[in-house]
């Protein structure tokens, strides 16, 4: 490591027959493929790249490994700089974190062992730009490449792009193995979310994080996906509403969501958990707590937990 805190490695360090875990940050991209190829037993690899002019000469990265089981790929900052391309070919990969708004081309190969993915990417879609045919194909191929997962964590940034993709008439692939989904979204995205859930027919556990409750527009949830009719067992709703003026919107949103899940889930629900940013809302004397208790009486099979 040099005085600036950046890692450096010489040709002598490119090969290791024993290295199993490796984390690199602020490292030259030109070293990456040599490092991976020179570590035949590497299982855990975390790579955080800077947005640095010195690295623009190498606009792509190939990660090819027969042994890699866990991979984190991220840019240090989410920028709208020069487009990047990444190819991941790792048949043993089980867990992948992909936090990248730089990659314009994403190629995923042989990820049939992938069981968990954490996605925070807008696929380098610049603000105000349309989803052209090439970009739609990138998104389609990415989703197909991760379709074997059992557990998905997906950000609001990514869902915004996927919902735009869906509005163009493009269908999501089926994630038949997926049983656990954690999604962050805003209130305005809720009406589109049930259609997104159609991609997960065997979903059992759903965690929703509502991070933006500014919109006062009434939401109507009517479409009922297959997973709610057959498999959904538990739902957790986390509310991050911030300003006091949003409390009324938050309460109406909670009641609509709770009613929607309880009325439309046939096998639901072993439990429905509500997590409030403001702990006073979980107080038994609060109006919303009393109203939600009425739902409990209507649906005695389901345990509603508020905290």
Protein backbone atom coordinates (compact mmCIF):
# COMPACT_ATOMS: atom_id res chain seq x y z
CA UNK A 1 0.00 0.00 0.00
CA UNK A 2 1.43 3.40 -0.93
CA UNK A 3 1.32 6.62 1.11
CA UNK A 4 -2.00 7.67 -0.41
CA UNK A 5 -3.59 4.55 1.03
CA UNK A 6 -4.02 2.86 -2.34
CA UNK A 7 -3.08 -0.78 -2.84
CA UNK A 8 -0.40 -1.75 -5.30
CA UNK A 9 0.92 -5.13 -6.35
CA UNK A 10 3.82 -6.17 -8.52
CA UNK A 11 4.07 -9.02 -11.01
CA UNK A 12 5.49 -11.15 -8.20
CA UNK A 13 2.18 -10.95 -6.34
CA UNK A 14 -0.15 -12.03 -9.13
CA UNK A 15 -0.06 -15.76 -8.35
CA UNK A 16 -1.18 -17.61 -5.23
CA UNK A 17 -2.17 -21.25 -4.92
CA UNK A 18 -3.49 -20.75 -1.38
CA UNK A 19 -5.32 -17.38 -1.40
CA UNK A 20 -9.00 -17.96 -0.59
CA UNK A 21 -10.28 -14.46 0.31
CA UNK A 22 -9.37 -11.13 -1.29
CA UNK A 23 -10.68 -7.57 -0.91
CA UNK A 24 -9.40 -4.76 -3.13
CA UNK A 25 -10.33 -1.08 -3.16
CA UNK A 26 -8.98 1.79 -5.26
CA UNK A 27 -6.96 -0.68 -7.31
CA UNK A 28 -5.92 -0.49 -10.95
CA UNK A 29 -8.34 -2.40 -13.15
CA UNK A 30 -5.49 -3.70 -15.31
CA UNK A 31 -4.44 -5.97 -12.44
CA UNK A 32 -7.80 -7.62 -11.86
CA UNK A 33 -7.90 -10.35 -14.48
CA UNK A 34 -4.30 -11.37 -13.76
CA UNK A 35 -5.07 -11.56 -10.05
CA UNK A 36 -8.16 -13.71 -10.51
CA UNK A 37 -6.46 -16.02 -13.00
CA UNK A 38 -3.48 -16.36 -10.68
CA UNK A 39 -5.54 -17.46 -7.66
CA UNK A 40 -6.95 -20.92 -8.55
CA UNK A 41 -8.61 -21.50 -5.15
CA UNK A 42 -10.08 -18.01 -4.63
CA UNK A 43 -13.55 -18.25 -3.05
CA UNK A 44 -14.33 -14.78 -1.66
CA UNK A 45 -13.59 -11.67 -3.73
CA UNK A 46 -14.63 -8.06 -3.03
CA UNK A 47 -13.75 -5.41 -5.59
CA UNK A 48 -14.48 -1.70 -5.07
CA UNK A 49 -13.42 0.47 -7.99
CA UNK A 50 -12.89 4.24 -7.94
CA UNK A 51 -14.15 6.64 -10.56
CA UNK A 52 -10.66 7.76 -11.50
CA UNK A 53 -9.37 9.22 -14.75
CA UNK A 54 -6.29 6.98 -14.56
CA UNK A 55 -8.47 3.91 -15.00
CA UNK A 56 -10.50 5.07 -18.01
CA UNK A 57 -8.04 3.35 -20.37
CA UNK A 58 -9.48 -0.03 -19.32
CA UNK A 59 -13.26 0.23 -19.71
CA UNK A 60 -14.04 -3.43 -19.00
CA UNK A 61 -13.47 -6.23 -16.52
CA UNK A 62 -13.77 -10.01 -16.83
CA UNK A 63 -14.22 -12.10 -13.70
CA UNK A 64 -13.72 -15.76 -14.60
CA UNK A 65 -13.29 -18.29 -11.83
CA UNK A 66 -14.17 -21.93 -11.26
CA UNK A 67 -13.88 -21.61 -7.47
CA UNK A 68 -15.36 -18.20 -6.61
CA UNK A 69 -18.32 -18.50 -4.21
CA UNK A 70 -18.85 -14.91 -3.04
CA UNK A 71 -18.34 -11.76 -5.11
CA UNK A 72 -18.90 -8.09 -4.29
CA UNK A 73 -18.58 -5.64 -7.16
CA UNK A 74 -19.05 -1.93 -6.55
CA UNK A 75 -17.92 1.49 -7.63
CA UNK A 76 -16.72 3.80 -4.89
CA UNK A 77 -19.18 6.46 -6.06
CA UNK A 78 -22.33 6.25 -8.15
CA UNK A 79 -21.54 8.59 -11.02
CA UNK A 80 -22.59 9.13 -14.60
CA UNK A 81 -19.05 8.90 -15.94
CA UNK A 82 -17.74 6.84 -18.81
CA UNK A 83 -19.59 3.58 -19.36
CA UNK A 84 -18.00 0.39 -18.09
CA UNK A 85 -18.49 -3.24 -19.10
CA UNK A 86 -18.31 -6.25 -16.81
CA UNK A 87 -18.43 -9.98 -17.49
CA UNK A 88 -18.89 -12.50 -14.68
CA UNK A 89 -18.38 -16.19 -15.40
CA UNK A 90 -18.34 -18.15 -12.15
CA UNK A 91 -20.17 -21.51 -12.06
CA UNK A 92 -19.57 -22.00 -8.29
CA UNK A 93 -20.76 -18.50 -7.31
CA UNK A 94 -23.39 -18.54 -4.56
CA UNK A 95 -23.60 -14.92 -3.33
CA UNK A 96 -23.21 -11.73 -5.36
CA UNK A 97 -23.47 -8.06 -4.40
CA UNK A 98 -23.73 -5.81 -7.44
CA UNK A 99 -23.65 -2.08 -6.60
CA UNK A 100 -22.80 -0.40 -9.85
CA UNK A 101 -24.23 2.47 -11.86
CA UNK A 102 -21.28 2.62 -14.24
CA UNK A 103 -21.69 -0.62 -16.17
CA UNK A 104 -23.46 -0.14 -19.48
CA UNK A 105 -22.84 -3.73 -20.54
CA UNK A 106 -23.27 -6.61 -18.11
CA UNK A 107 -22.65 -10.19 -19.16
CA UNK A 108 -23.47 -12.99 -16.70
CA UNK A 109 -22.48 -16.56 -17.56
CA UNK A 110 -22.85 -19.90 -15.81
CA UNK A 111 -24.38 -18.58 -12.58
CA UNK A 112 -26.61 -21.60 -12.00
CA UNK A 113 -25.29 -22.00 -8.44
CA UNK A 114 -26.19 -18.42 -7.49
CA UNK A 115 -28.54 -18.43 -4.49
CA UNK A 116 -28.36 -14.85 -3.17
CA UNK A 117 -28.04 -11.51 -4.96
CA UNK A 118 -28.00 -7.92 -3.67
CA UNK A 119 -28.65 -5.44 -6.51
CA UNK A 120 -28.19 -1.67 -6.48
CA UNK A 121 -27.79 -0.56 -10.09
CA UNK A 122 -29.51 1.64 -12.64
CA UNK A 123 -27.68 -0.08 -15.50
CA UNK A 124 -25.98 3.22 -16.36
CA UNK A 125 -29.27 4.73 -17.47
CA UNK A 126 -28.72 8.47 -17.43
CA UNK A 127 -31.45 10.74 -16.07
CA UNK A 128 -34.07 11.59 -18.68
CA UNK A 129 -32.86 8.99 -21.17
CA UNK A 130 -35.21 6.45 -22.69
CA UNK A 131 -34.80 2.69 -22.43
CA UNK A 132 -33.69 1.86 -25.95
CA UNK A 133 -33.57 -1.67 -27.42
CA UNK A 134 -29.95 -2.29 -26.43
CA UNK A 135 -30.50 -1.20 -22.84
CA UNK A 136 -33.64 -3.32 -22.59
CA UNK A 137 -31.65 -6.33 -23.74
CA UNK A 138 -28.96 -5.64 -21.11
CA UNK A 139 -31.64 -5.63 -18.39
CA UNK A 140 -33.31 -8.76 -19.77
CA UNK A 141 -30.04 -10.69 -19.93
CA UNK A 142 -29.04 -9.57 -16.42
CA UNK A 143 -32.35 -10.78 -14.96
CA UNK A 144 -32.10 -14.11 -16.77
CA UNK A 145 -28.53 -14.47 -15.52
CA UNK A 146 -29.61 -14.22 -11.86
CA UNK A 147 -32.90 -16.11 -12.19
CA UNK A 148 -31.67 -19.11 -10.16
CA UNK A 149 -31.46 -17.15 -6.88
CA UNK A 150 -33.41 -18.06 -3.75
CA UNK A 151 -32.87 -14.74 -1.94
CA UNK A 152 -32.89 -11.28 -3.54
CA UNK A 153 -32.22 -7.83 -2.08
CA UNK A 154 -33.14 -5.06 -4.50
CA UNK A 155 -32.83 -1.27 -4.15
CA UNK A 156 -35.28 1.47 -5.05
CA UNK A 157 -32.85 2.67 -7.72
CA UNK A 158 -32.99 -0.69 -9.48
CA UNK A 159 -36.75 -1.09 -9.11
CA UNK A 160 -37.33 2.31 -10.69
CA UNK A 161 -35.51 1.16 -13.82
CA UNK A 162 -37.23 -2.24 -13.83
CA UNK A 163 -40.67 -0.63 -13.58
CA UNK A 164 -39.83 1.59 -16.56
CA UNK A 165 -38.75 -1.58 -18.37
CA UNK A 166 -42.07 -3.23 -17.48
CA UNK A 167 -44.13 -0.26 -18.69
CA UNK A 168 -42.62 -0.80 -22.16
CA UNK A 169 -44.32 -4.18 -22.28
CA UNK A 170 -41.24 -6.20 -21.35
CA UNK A 171 -41.85 -9.17 -19.06
CA UNK A 172 -39.63 -10.26 -16.21
CA UNK A 173 -38.32 -13.84 -16.19
CA UNK A 174 -39.66 -16.27 -13.61
CA UNK A 175 -37.60 -16.74 -10.45
CA UNK A 176 -38.99 -20.14 -9.54
CA UNK A 177 -36.43 -20.81 -6.79
CA UNK A 178 -36.82 -17.50 -4.98
CA UNK A 179 -38.47 -17.70 -1.55
CA UNK A 180 -37.18 -14.50 0.10
CA UNK A 181 -37.36 -10.96 -1.30
CA UNK A 182 -36.21 -7.70 0.32
CA UNK A 183 -37.20 -4.60 -1.65
CA UNK A 184 -36.87 -0.86 -1.03
CA UNK A 185 -39.38 1.32 -2.81
CA UNK A 186 -41.33 4.56 -2.59
CA UNK A 187 -45.06 4.94 -2.08
CA UNK A 188 -45.61 5.83 -5.73
CA UNK A 189 -44.13 2.47 -6.77
CA UNK A 190 -46.53 0.36 -4.72
CA UNK A 191 -49.20 0.01 -7.40
CA UNK A 192 -46.69 -1.58 -9.79
CA UNK A 193 -45.16 -3.85 -7.16
CA UNK A 194 -47.82 -6.63 -7.23
CA UNK A 195 -47.14 -7.17 -10.94
CA UNK A 196 -43.44 -7.44 -10.15
CA UNK A 197 -44.25 -10.14 -7.59
CA UNK A 198 -45.65 -12.30 -10.40
CA UNK A 199 -42.03 -13.16 -11.17
CA UNK A 200 -41.72 -14.98 -7.83
CA UNK A 201 -44.43 -17.67 -7.75
CA UNK A 202 -42.88 -19.49 -4.77
CA UNK A 203 -42.17 -16.45 -2.60
CA UNK A 204 -42.62 -17.17 1.12
CA UNK A 205 -40.99 -14.24 2.91
CA UNK A 206 -41.33 -10.60 1.81
CA UNK A 207 -39.61 -7.60 3.39
CA UNK A 208 -40.62 -4.12 2.19
CA UNK A 209 -38.79 -0.91 3.07
CA UNK A 210 -40.76 2.25 2.28
CA UNK A 211 -38.23 5.06 2.10
CA UNK A 212 -40.18 7.90 0.46
CA UNK A 213 -43.70 8.81 1.56
CA UNK A 214 -43.96 12.31 0.10
CA UNK A 215 -46.63 11.48 -2.46
CA UNK A 216 -50.15 12.11 -1.19
CA UNK A 217 -51.82 10.42 -4.18
CA UNK A 218 -54.19 7.64 -3.19
CA UNK A 219 -52.85 4.19 -3.92
CA UNK A 220 -55.01 1.33 -5.12
CA UNK A 221 -53.73 -2.21 -4.83
CA UNK A 222 -55.89 -4.64 -6.75
CA UNK A 223 -53.76 -7.13 -8.69
CA UNK A 224 -53.06 -10.30 -6.70
CA UNK A 225 -49.93 -12.23 -7.76
CA UNK A 226 -49.75 -16.02 -7.68
CA UNK A 227 -47.38 -16.12 -4.70
CA UNK A 228 -50.01 -14.48 -2.48
CA UNK A 229 -52.53 -17.11 -3.42
CA UNK A 230 -50.23 -20.08 -2.85
CA UNK A 231 -47.12 -19.55 -0.76
CA UNK A 232 -46.63 -16.21 1.01
CA UNK A 233 -46.21 -16.85 4.73
CA UNK A 234 -44.77 -13.68 6.24
CA UNK A 235 -44.51 -9.99 5.41
CA UNK A 236 -42.39 -7.35 7.10
CA UNK A 237 -42.99 -3.65 6.38
CA UNK A 238 -40.36 -1.13 7.46
CA UNK A 239 -41.33 2.53 7.34
CA UNK A 240 -38.84 5.38 7.05
CA UNK A 241 -40.94 8.50 6.77
CA UNK A 242 -38.88 11.22 8.45
CA UNK A 243 -40.86 14.46 8.51
CA UNK A 244 -43.89 14.78 10.79
CA UNK A 245 -46.08 16.04 7.94
CA UNK A 246 -45.72 12.64 6.29
CA UNK A 247 -47.16 10.75 9.25
CA UNK A 248 -50.75 10.84 7.96
CA UNK A 249 -49.63 9.57 4.55
CA UNK A 250 -47.61 6.88 6.30
CA UNK A 251 -50.55 5.71 8.39
CA UNK A 252 -52.86 5.46 5.38
CA UNK A 253 -50.18 3.58 3.46
CA UNK A 254 -49.73 1.10 6.31
CA UNK A 255 -53.45 0.43 6.59
CA UNK A 256 -53.80 -0.06 2.84
CA UNK A 257 -50.86 -2.46 2.70
CA UNK A 258 -51.96 -4.48 5.73
CA UNK A 259 -55.50 -4.76 4.40
CA UNK A 260 -54.22 -5.78 0.96
CA UNK A 261 -52.00 -8.57 2.26
CA UNK A 262 -54.52 -9.91 4.73
CA UNK A 263 -57.48 -9.91 2.36
CA UNK A 264 -55.67 -11.45 -0.60
CA UNK A 265 -53.23 -13.96 0.84
CA UNK A 266 -54.79 -17.40 1.06
CA UNK A 267 -52.08 -19.19 3.04
CA UNK A 268 -50.86 -16.07 4.77
CA UNK A 269 -49.82 -15.27 6.95
CA UNK A 270 -47.96 -16.68 9.83
CA UNK A 271 -46.95 -13.18 10.76
CA UNK A 272 -47.06 -9.62 9.50
CA UNK A 273 -44.44 -7.34 11.04
CA UNK A 274 -44.57 -3.55 11.01
CA UNK A 275 -41.42 -1.65 11.94
CA UNK A 276 -41.87 2.06 12.60
CA UNK A 277 -39.07 4.60 12.51
CA UNK A 278 -41.03 6.52 15.16
CA UNK A 279 -41.44 4.15 18.09
CA UNK A 280 -44.42 6.13 19.40
CA UNK A 281 -46.46 4.68 16.54
CA UNK A 282 -45.96 1.24 18.01
CA UNK A 283 -47.49 2.38 21.28
CA UNK A 284 -50.68 0.53 22.16
CA UNK A 285 -52.44 3.86 22.70
CA UNK A 286 -51.74 5.14 19.19
CA UNK A 287 -54.66 5.34 16.76
CA UNK A 288 -52.97 3.24 14.11
CA UNK A 289 -52.17 0.50 16.62
CA UNK A 290 -55.82 0.31 17.67
CA UNK A 291 -57.01 0.18 14.08
CA UNK A 292 -54.58 -2.57 13.16
CA UNK A 293 -55.81 -4.60 16.11
CA UNK A 294 -59.21 -4.70 14.38
CA UNK A 295 -57.54 -6.42 11.43
CA UNK A 296 -56.21 -9.05 13.81
CA UNK A 297 -59.74 -9.94 14.87
CA UNK A 298 -60.80 -10.35 11.24
CA UNK A 299 -57.80 -12.55 10.44
CA UNK A 300 -57.06 -14.63 13.57
CA UNK A 301 -54.67 -16.92 11.67
CA UNK A 302 -52.21 -14.07 11.29
CA UNK A 303 -50.08 -12.62 14.03
CA UNK A 304 -49.53 -8.87 13.58
CA UNK A 305 -46.37 -7.66 15.30
CA UNK A 306 -45.74 -3.92 15.65
CA UNK A 307 -42.48 -2.43 16.87
